[in-house]
Structures are given as C-alpha cells and as structure tokens.
Amino acid sequence: MDLTGDELAGVVDLFGCLTRAELDRAVEELAYKRGDDHDADAVAAAVEAALDSYHLVAVKTDFDTPDDRPVLVAGPVAFPALPDGATDLPHIMDVPDRSLDDETVVAAARESLEEDALAAVEAGDTARAARLVDVSYDLEAWGSTDASDLREILDRV
C-alpha cells in the first residue's frame, strides 16, 4: 500500500504524534483493513521520504518511547489527508495520549532544516538547497518563526 507524505502526516495528525513503530503499525492496520499487502520496506522508505520532504518531523521528547526515539508529527509542508479507513485507527490502536507544545515542534523542525541546509551547502547540492529554501518559507508560515537566517545559509551554495 502506497501512502503519500500528506497521508502519512494525516495518520500521524489523527493521533497528534506517533512513534515510528506506531506509524508502521497504523499503516499495517490500514493495509489489512483495505485488503492490501503490507510491505514494511516500502513503508519505511515512504516515511524516510516524508521526513526528507518535511511532511513529517521527528521530535525528541521526554515521553516514554521505546529506546527513547523521537515521535513523528505532521511537518511544515504537509497538508494532512486521511487515507481511506484511517478514521477507525484510534479505535483499533492503543496509543497513549500525548501532546507536544508548538514551540517544541517548531524548534525540532527548525533544527532539522538547519542541519539539512548545512549539509546541502557542504555538498554543493543546489537542487536540495533550492528545495530547502521553499521549506523555510513553509516553516515560517507553519511555525510563526523567522527562517531568514536559514535562507542565508542556503544562499552559500
């Protein structure tokens, strides 16, 4: 079952945030519900692509999560969309109630974007830098923050 970045963000947003394992299980439940095959490798690749494109953002928290891994939230470029059958997921899955403050989420997205910007500059990756400039504007609108300093970094490519 193929899900877009917006659909993955929609599943995560339905719960507020999910661990990677919880998101994997949610997608597996959706596949079962639809009668589709579940391909764990394809899901992992889709989640990585959604993180890379900022449809999802990983946020380190003080929640009790397996191995103290971050939780995933809908990111600044996402337009969360619920895939067919997703509205039943909260009734199927036992996910603890968690809430993150906006400041923590925005800081995590900004930190990730800054790391990606520095890596794009170091690699001389003009295509990635151009994409990250677009993400910086989305971050500003989404997180009510100023990302002009990140665009200055990206202008070095």
N, C-alpha and C. Protein backbone atom coordinates (compact mmCIF):
# COMPACT_ATOMS: atom_id res chain seq x y z
N MET A 1 0.85 -1.17 0.00
CA MET A 1 0.00 0.00 0.00
C MET A 1 0.89 1.23 0.00
N ASP A 2 0.70 2.08 -0.97
CA ASP A 2 1.48 3.31 -1.08
C ASP A 2 0.71 4.46 -0.44
N LEU A 3 1.38 5.18 0.44
CA LEU A 3 0.79 6.38 1.04
C LEU A 3 1.68 7.57 0.72
N THR A 4 1.05 8.69 0.44
CA THR A 4 1.81 9.92 0.18
C THR A 4 2.29 10.52 1.50
N GLY A 5 3.16 11.50 1.39
CA GLY A 5 3.61 12.23 2.59
C GLY A 5 2.45 12.88 3.31
N ASP A 6 1.49 13.42 2.56
CA ASP A 6 0.32 14.04 3.18
C ASP A 6 -0.55 13.01 3.90
N GLU A 7 -0.65 11.81 3.34
CA GLU A 7 -1.43 10.76 4.00
C GLU A 7 -0.73 10.26 5.26
N LEU A 8 0.57 10.11 5.21
CA LEU A 8 1.31 9.72 6.42
C LEU A 8 1.15 10.80 7.49
N ALA A 9 1.23 12.07 7.07
CA ALA A 9 1.03 13.17 8.02
C ALA A 9 -0.39 13.14 8.58
N GLY A 10 -1.36 12.77 7.76
CA GLY A 10 -2.74 12.67 8.22
C GLY A 10 -2.91 11.60 9.29
N VAL A 11 -2.26 10.46 9.10
CA VAL A 11 -2.34 9.39 10.09
C VAL A 11 -1.69 9.85 11.39
N VAL A 12 -0.53 10.45 11.29
CA VAL A 12 0.16 10.95 12.49
C VAL A 12 -0.69 12.02 13.18
N ASP A 13 -1.22 12.94 12.39
CA ASP A 13 -2.00 14.05 12.93
C ASP A 13 -3.29 13.57 13.62
N LEU A 14 -3.82 12.45 13.16
CA LEU A 14 -5.01 11.87 13.77
C LEU A 14 -4.78 11.57 15.26
N PHE A 15 -3.54 11.23 15.59
CA PHE A 15 -3.18 10.92 16.97
C PHE A 15 -2.44 12.08 17.66
N GLY A 16 -2.04 13.08 16.91
CA GLY A 16 -1.22 14.17 17.45
C GLY A 16 0.25 13.92 17.19
N CYS A 17 0.70 12.74 17.55
CA CYS A 17 2.06 12.29 17.26
C CYS A 17 2.10 10.79 17.44
N LEU A 18 3.02 10.16 16.74
CA LEU A 18 3.19 8.71 16.83
C LEU A 18 4.68 8.38 16.82
N THR A 19 5.02 7.29 17.47
CA THR A 19 6.37 6.77 17.32
C THR A 19 6.46 6.14 15.93
N ARG A 20 7.66 5.87 15.50
CA ARG A 20 7.85 5.22 14.20
C ARG A 20 7.16 3.85 14.19
N ALA A 21 7.30 3.11 15.28
CA ALA A 21 6.68 1.78 15.36
C ALA A 21 5.15 1.89 15.32
N GLU A 22 4.60 2.90 15.98
CA GLU A 22 3.15 3.09 15.96
C GLU A 22 2.66 3.46 14.56
N LEU A 23 3.41 4.29 13.87
CA LEU A 23 3.03 4.65 12.50
C LEU A 23 3.11 3.41 11.60
N ASP A 24 4.15 2.61 11.76
CA ASP A 24 4.26 1.38 10.98
C ASP A 24 3.05 0.48 11.24
N ARG A 25 2.66 0.35 12.50
CA ARG A 25 1.51 -0.49 12.84
C ARG A 25 0.22 0.09 12.26
N ALA A 26 0.08 1.41 12.31
CA ALA A 26 -1.11 2.04 11.75
C ALA A 26 -1.22 1.76 10.25
N VAL A 27 -0.11 1.85 9.55
CA VAL A 27 -0.13 1.57 8.11
C VAL A 27 -0.43 0.09 7.86
N GLU A 28 0.11 -0.76 8.70
CA GLU A 28 -0.18 -2.19 8.58
C GLU A 28 -1.68 -2.45 8.79
N GLU A 29 -2.26 -1.80 9.78
CA GLU A 29 -3.70 -1.94 10.05
C GLU A 29 -4.52 -1.43 8.86
N LEU A 30 -4.10 -0.32 8.27
CA LEU A 30 -4.81 0.21 7.10
C LEU A 30 -4.75 -0.78 5.93
N ALA A 31 -3.57 -1.35 5.72
CA ALA A 31 -3.42 -2.32 4.63
C ALA A 31 -4.34 -3.51 4.86
N TYR A 32 -4.37 -4.01 6.07
CA TYR A 32 -5.23 -5.15 6.40
C TYR A 32 -6.70 -4.79 6.16
N LYS A 33 -7.08 -3.62 6.63
CA LYS A 33 -8.47 -3.16 6.50
C LYS A 33 -8.88 -3.04 5.03
N ARG A 34 -7.94 -2.64 4.19
CA ARG A 34 -8.22 -2.45 2.77
C ARG A 34 -8.05 -3.75 1.96
N GLY A 35 -7.47 -4.75 2.60
CA GLY A 35 -7.19 -5.99 1.87
C GLY A 35 -5.95 -5.87 1.00
N ASP A 36 -5.09 -4.91 1.32
CA ASP A 36 -3.86 -4.69 0.57
C ASP A 36 -2.70 -5.43 1.23
N ASP A 37 -1.66 -5.64 0.46
CA ASP A 37 -0.44 -6.21 1.02
C ASP A 37 0.29 -5.14 1.82
N HIS A 38 0.94 -5.59 2.88
CA HIS A 38 1.75 -4.67 3.69
C HIS A 38 3.22 -4.95 3.39
N ASP A 39 3.90 -3.95 2.90
CA ASP A 39 5.33 -4.06 2.60
C ASP A 39 6.08 -3.14 3.54
N ALA A 40 6.67 -3.73 4.59
CA ALA A 40 7.35 -2.95 5.62
C ALA A 40 8.47 -2.10 5.04
N ASP A 41 9.19 -2.63 4.05
CA ASP A 41 10.28 -1.86 3.44
C ASP A 41 9.75 -0.65 2.68
N ALA A 42 8.63 -0.82 2.00
CA ALA A 42 8.03 0.30 1.27
C ALA A 42 7.53 1.37 2.24
N VAL A 43 6.97 0.94 3.37
CA VAL A 43 6.51 1.89 4.38
C VAL A 43 7.71 2.66 4.95
N ALA A 44 8.78 1.94 5.26
CA ALA A 44 9.98 2.60 5.80
C ALA A 44 10.52 3.62 4.81
N ALA A 45 10.53 3.27 3.53
CA ALA A 45 11.01 4.21 2.51
C ALA A 45 10.09 5.42 2.40
N ALA A 46 8.78 5.19 2.50
CA ALA A 46 7.82 6.31 2.43
C ALA A 46 7.97 7.23 3.63
N VAL A 47 8.20 6.68 4.80
CA VAL A 47 8.39 7.50 5.99
C VAL A 47 9.68 8.31 5.86
N GLU A 48 10.75 7.68 5.39
CA GLU A 48 12.02 8.41 5.19
C GLU A 48 11.84 9.54 4.18
N ALA A 49 11.11 9.26 3.11
CA ALA A 49 10.85 10.31 2.11
C ALA A 49 10.02 11.44 2.71
N ALA A 50 9.05 11.11 3.56
CA ALA A 50 8.22 12.13 4.20
C ALA A 50 9.03 12.97 5.18
N LEU A 51 9.99 12.36 5.85
CA LEU A 51 10.88 13.12 6.74
C LEU A 51 11.79 14.02 5.92
N ASP A 52 12.31 13.48 4.82
CA ASP A 52 13.21 14.24 3.95
C ASP A 52 12.52 15.44 3.32
N SER A 53 11.23 15.29 3.03
CA SER A 53 10.48 16.37 2.38
C SER A 53 9.79 17.30 3.38
N TYR A 54 9.90 16.99 4.68
CA TYR A 54 9.28 17.78 5.75
C TYR A 54 7.77 17.66 5.79
N HIS A 55 7.25 16.55 5.27
CA HIS A 55 5.84 16.21 5.50
C HIS A 55 5.70 15.69 6.93
N LEU A 56 6.77 15.08 7.43
CA LEU A 56 6.86 14.63 8.81
C LEU A 56 8.09 15.24 9.44
N VAL A 57 8.02 15.46 10.75
CA VAL A 57 9.16 15.95 11.52
C VAL A 57 9.32 15.03 12.73
N ALA A 58 10.57 14.66 13.00
CA ALA A 58 10.88 13.86 14.19
C ALA A 58 11.18 14.81 15.34
N VAL A 59 10.54 14.56 16.48
CA VAL A 59 10.68 15.43 17.65
C VAL A 59 11.12 14.59 18.84
N LYS A 60 12.25 14.95 19.41
CA LYS A 60 12.71 14.29 20.63
C LYS A 60 11.89 14.83 21.80
N THR A 61 11.40 13.91 22.63
CA THR A 61 10.55 14.31 23.74
C THR A 61 10.99 13.61 25.02
N ASP A 62 10.33 13.93 26.09
CA ASP A 62 10.58 13.22 27.34
C ASP A 62 9.51 12.15 27.58
N PHE A 63 8.71 11.84 26.54
CA PHE A 63 7.74 10.76 26.64
C PHE A 63 8.48 9.45 26.79
N ASP A 64 7.82 8.48 27.38
CA ASP A 64 8.37 7.14 27.41
C ASP A 64 8.10 6.50 26.06
N THR A 65 9.13 6.40 25.25
CA THR A 65 9.02 5.73 23.96
C THR A 65 10.10 4.67 23.90
N PRO A 66 9.90 3.63 23.12
CA PRO A 66 10.93 2.60 23.01
C PRO A 66 12.26 3.20 22.59
N ASP A 67 13.29 2.86 23.31
CA ASP A 67 14.65 3.31 23.00
C ASP A 67 14.79 4.83 23.00
N ASP A 68 13.88 5.53 23.66
CA ASP A 68 13.91 7.00 23.70
C ASP A 68 13.98 7.61 22.30
N ARG A 69 13.30 6.99 21.37
CA ARG A 69 13.28 7.51 20.00
C ARG A 69 12.31 8.67 19.88
N PRO A 70 12.51 9.51 18.89
CA PRO A 70 11.60 10.65 18.72
C PRO A 70 10.22 10.21 18.25
N VAL A 71 9.26 11.09 18.42
CA VAL A 71 7.93 10.88 17.87
C VAL A 71 7.83 11.65 16.56
N LEU A 72 6.91 11.26 15.74
CA LEU A 72 6.70 11.91 14.45
C LEU A 72 5.46 12.78 14.51
N VAL A 73 5.54 13.96 13.93
CA VAL A 73 4.41 14.89 13.84
C VAL A 73 4.28 15.35 12.38
N ALA A 74 3.11 15.85 12.04
CA ALA A 74 2.92 16.43 10.71
C ALA A 74 3.83 17.65 10.59
N GLY A 75 4.51 17.77 9.45
CA GLY A 75 5.51 18.82 9.27
C GLY A 75 5.00 20.03 8.53
N PRO A 76 5.91 20.99 8.30
CA PRO A 76 5.52 22.28 7.74
C PRO A 76 5.03 22.26 6.30
N VAL A 77 5.39 21.26 5.51
CA VAL A 77 4.92 21.24 4.12
C VAL A 77 3.69 20.37 3.95
N ALA A 78 3.28 19.69 5.01
CA ALA A 78 2.17 18.73 4.91
C ALA A 78 0.81 19.42 4.85
N PHE A 79 -0.04 18.82 4.06
CA PHE A 79 -1.47 19.10 4.07
C PHE A 79 -2.10 17.76 4.46
N PRO A 80 -2.15 17.49 5.79
CA PRO A 80 -2.56 16.17 6.25
C PRO A 80 -3.89 15.72 5.64
N ALA A 81 -3.87 14.52 5.09
CA ALA A 81 -5.04 13.92 4.46
C ALA A 81 -5.21 12.52 5.02
N LEU A 82 -6.42 12.18 5.40
CA LEU A 82 -6.67 10.85 5.94
C LEU A 82 -6.91 9.86 4.81
N PRO A 83 -6.10 8.80 4.76
CA PRO A 83 -6.37 7.76 3.77
C PRO A 83 -7.65 7.00 4.12
N ASP A 84 -8.24 6.34 3.15
CA ASP A 84 -9.46 5.57 3.39
C ASP A 84 -9.25 4.60 4.55
N GLY A 85 -10.19 4.61 5.48
CA GLY A 85 -10.15 3.70 6.62
C GLY A 85 -9.40 4.22 7.82
N ALA A 86 -8.73 5.34 7.70
CA ALA A 86 -7.89 5.84 8.79
C ALA A 86 -8.70 6.30 9.99
N THR A 87 -9.92 6.74 9.80
CA THR A 87 -10.70 7.25 10.94
C THR A 87 -10.97 6.17 11.98
N ASP A 88 -10.85 4.91 11.60
CA ASP A 88 -11.05 3.81 12.55
C ASP A 88 -9.80 3.51 13.38
N LEU A 89 -8.66 4.02 12.98
CA LEU A 89 -7.40 3.68 13.65
C LEU A 89 -7.41 3.96 15.16
N PRO A 90 -7.94 5.10 15.63
CA PRO A 90 -7.94 5.33 17.08
C PRO A 90 -8.73 4.27 17.85
N HIS A 91 -9.68 3.62 17.19
CA HIS A 91 -10.47 2.57 17.84
C HIS A 91 -9.75 1.22 17.80
N ILE A 92 -8.84 1.08 16.86
CA ILE A 92 -8.12 -0.18 16.67
C ILE A 92 -6.83 -0.20 17.49
N MET A 93 -6.15 0.93 17.53
CA MET A 93 -4.82 1.00 18.16
C MET A 93 -4.90 1.60 19.55
N ASP A 94 -4.10 1.06 20.43
CA ASP A 94 -3.99 1.59 21.79
C ASP A 94 -2.75 2.47 21.85
N VAL A 95 -2.94 3.76 21.60
CA VAL A 95 -1.83 4.72 21.60
C VAL A 95 -2.05 5.67 22.76
N PRO A 96 -1.02 5.86 23.59
CA PRO A 96 -1.19 6.77 24.72
C PRO A 96 -1.46 8.21 24.27
N ASP A 97 -2.23 8.93 25.07
CA ASP A 97 -2.46 10.35 24.79
C ASP A 97 -1.15 11.09 25.04
N ARG A 98 -0.76 11.85 24.05
CA ARG A 98 0.45 12.66 24.16
C ARG A 98 0.15 14.02 23.53
N SER A 99 0.77 15.02 24.06
CA SER A 99 0.64 16.32 23.41
C SER A 99 1.99 17.01 23.45
N LEU A 100 2.27 17.70 22.40
CA LEU A 100 3.51 18.46 22.27
C LEU A 100 3.16 19.93 22.12
N ASP A 101 3.93 20.78 22.75
CA ASP A 101 3.68 22.20 22.56
C ASP A 101 4.27 22.63 21.22
N ASP A 102 3.66 23.64 20.64
CA ASP A 102 4.07 24.11 19.32
C ASP A 102 5.53 24.54 19.29
N GLU A 103 5.99 25.14 20.37
CA GLU A 103 7.38 25.63 20.43
C GLU A 103 8.37 24.48 20.25
N THR A 104 8.10 23.35 20.89
CA THR A 104 8.98 22.19 20.79
C THR A 104 8.99 21.64 19.37
N VAL A 105 7.82 21.57 18.76
CA VAL A 105 7.70 21.03 17.40
C VAL A 105 8.41 21.95 16.40
N VAL A 106 8.18 23.24 16.51
CA VAL A 106 8.82 24.20 15.60
C VAL A 106 10.34 24.16 15.77
N ALA A 107 10.81 24.08 17.00
CA ALA A 107 12.25 24.01 17.25
C ALA A 107 12.86 22.77 16.61
N ALA A 108 12.16 21.64 16.68
CA ALA A 108 12.67 20.41 16.08
C ALA A 108 12.73 20.53 14.56
N ALA A 109 11.69 21.09 13.96
CA ALA A 109 11.67 21.27 12.51
C ALA A 109 12.78 22.21 12.08
N ARG A 110 12.95 23.27 12.83
CA ARG A 110 13.98 24.27 12.50
C ARG A 110 15.39 23.67 12.62
N GLU A 111 15.61 22.89 13.68
CA GLU A 111 16.91 22.24 13.87
C GLU A 111 17.21 21.28 12.73
N SER A 112 16.23 20.51 12.34
CA SER A 112 16.40 19.57 11.23
C SER A 112 16.69 20.32 9.93
N LEU A 113 15.95 21.40 9.70
CA LEU A 113 16.16 22.19 8.49
C LEU A 113 17.55 22.82 8.47
N GLU A 114 18.01 23.28 9.61
CA GLU A 114 19.35 23.86 9.67
C GLU A 114 20.42 22.81 9.37
N GLU A 115 20.28 21.62 9.93
CA GLU A 115 21.23 20.54 9.64
C GLU A 115 21.23 20.19 8.16
N ASP A 116 20.03 20.10 7.57
CA ASP A 116 19.92 19.80 6.15
C ASP A 116 20.52 20.93 5.30
N ALA A 117 20.30 22.16 5.71
CA ALA A 117 20.85 23.30 4.97
C ALA A 117 22.37 23.27 4.98
N LEU A 118 22.96 23.02 6.12
CA LEU A 118 24.42 22.95 6.21
C LEU A 118 24.97 21.81 5.38
N ALA A 119 24.27 20.66 5.38
CA ALA A 119 24.70 19.51 4.58
C ALA A 119 24.59 19.83 3.09
N ALA A 120 23.54 20.52 2.68
CA ALA A 120 23.38 20.88 1.27
C ALA A 120 24.47 21.83 0.83
N VAL A 121 24.81 22.78 1.68
CA VAL A 121 25.88 23.72 1.36
C VAL A 121 27.21 22.99 1.24
N GLU A 122 27.49 22.14 2.22
CA GLU A 122 28.76 21.40 2.21
C GLU A 122 28.88 20.52 0.97
N ALA A 123 27.76 19.92 0.55
CA ALA A 123 27.77 19.04 -0.62
C ALA A 123 27.68 19.81 -1.93
N GLY A 124 27.38 21.12 -1.85
CA GLY A 124 27.19 21.90 -3.06
C GLY A 124 25.96 21.49 -3.83
N ASP A 125 24.95 20.99 -3.13
CA ASP A 125 23.73 20.46 -3.73
C ASP A 125 22.73 21.59 -3.95
N THR A 126 22.79 22.20 -5.14
CA THR A 126 21.94 23.35 -5.42
C THR A 126 20.46 22.98 -5.50
N ALA A 127 20.16 21.79 -6.01
CA ALA A 127 18.75 21.38 -6.10
C ALA A 127 18.16 21.20 -4.70
N ARG A 128 18.92 20.56 -3.82
CA ARG A 128 18.43 20.37 -2.44
C ARG A 128 18.32 21.72 -1.74
N ALA A 129 19.28 22.59 -1.95
CA ALA A 129 19.25 23.92 -1.33
C ALA A 129 18.01 24.69 -1.77
N ALA A 130 17.69 24.62 -3.05
CA ALA A 130 16.51 25.32 -3.57
C ALA A 130 15.24 24.77 -2.93
N ARG A 131 15.18 23.45 -2.77
CA ARG A 131 14.00 22.84 -2.14
C ARG A 131 13.90 23.26 -0.68
N LEU A 132 15.04 23.33 0.00
CA LEU A 132 15.04 23.72 1.41
C LEU A 132 14.67 25.18 1.61
N VAL A 133 14.97 26.03 0.63
CA VAL A 133 14.52 27.42 0.70
C VAL A 133 12.99 27.45 0.72
N ASP A 134 12.37 26.65 -0.14
CA ASP A 134 10.90 26.56 -0.14
C ASP A 134 10.39 26.08 1.21
N VAL A 135 11.06 25.07 1.78
CA VAL A 135 10.66 24.54 3.08
C VAL A 135 10.79 25.63 4.15
N SER A 136 11.81 26.48 4.04
CA SER A 136 12.00 27.54 5.04
C SER A 136 10.81 28.50 5.06
N TYR A 137 10.26 28.78 3.88
CA TYR A 137 9.07 29.64 3.83
C TYR A 137 7.87 28.93 4.42
N ASP A 138 7.74 27.63 4.15
CA ASP A 138 6.65 26.86 4.75
C ASP A 138 6.80 26.83 6.27
N LEU A 139 8.02 26.68 6.74
CA LEU A 139 8.28 26.68 8.18
C LEU A 139 7.85 27.99 8.81
N GLU A 140 8.13 29.10 8.15
CA GLU A 140 7.73 30.40 8.69
C GLU A 140 6.21 30.51 8.82
N ALA A 141 5.51 30.08 7.78
CA ALA A 141 4.05 30.17 7.81
C ALA A 141 3.45 29.20 8.82
N TRP A 142 4.01 28.02 8.89
CA TRP A 142 3.51 26.94 9.75
C TRP A 142 3.84 27.19 11.21
N GLY A 143 5.05 27.67 11.46
CA GLY A 143 5.52 27.78 12.83
C GLY A 143 5.64 29.18 13.37
N SER A 144 5.17 30.15 12.61
CA SER A 144 5.26 31.55 13.05
C SER A 144 6.66 31.87 13.57
N THR A 145 7.63 31.59 12.72
CA THR A 145 9.03 31.82 13.09
C THR A 145 9.75 32.45 11.91
N ASP A 146 10.86 33.05 12.18
CA ASP A 146 11.68 33.67 11.14
C ASP A 146 12.77 32.69 10.74
N ALA A 147 12.80 32.32 9.46
CA ALA A 147 13.81 31.39 8.97
C ALA A 147 14.74 32.05 7.97
N SER A 148 14.80 33.37 7.99
CA SER A 148 15.65 34.08 7.02
C SER A 148 17.12 33.71 7.20
N ASP A 149 17.53 33.43 8.42
CA ASP A 149 18.92 33.03 8.64
C ASP A 149 19.24 31.70 7.96
N LEU A 150 18.26 30.82 7.87
CA LEU A 150 18.46 29.55 7.18
C LEU A 150 18.58 29.77 5.68
N ARG A 151 17.82 30.71 5.16
CA ARG A 151 17.95 31.03 3.73
C ARG A 151 19.31 31.65 3.43
N GLU A 152 19.85 32.42 4.35
CA GLU A 152 21.19 32.97 4.17
C GLU A 152 22.22 31.87 4.09
N ILE A 153 22.07 30.82 4.91
CA ILE A 153 22.96 29.67 4.84
C ILE A 153 22.83 29.01 3.46
N LEU A 154 21.60 28.84 3.02
CA LEU A 154 21.36 28.16 1.74
C LEU A 154 21.84 28.97 0.54
N ASP A 155 21.92 30.26 0.70
CA ASP A 155 22.43 31.11 -0.39
C ASP A 155 23.91 30.90 -0.66
N ARG A 156 24.59 30.19 0.21
CA ARG A 156 26.03 29.93 0.05
C ARG A 156 26.32 28.86 -1.00
N VAL A 157 25.28 28.16 -1.45
CA VAL A 157 25.50 27.09 -2.43
C VAL A 157 25.74 27.69 -3.79
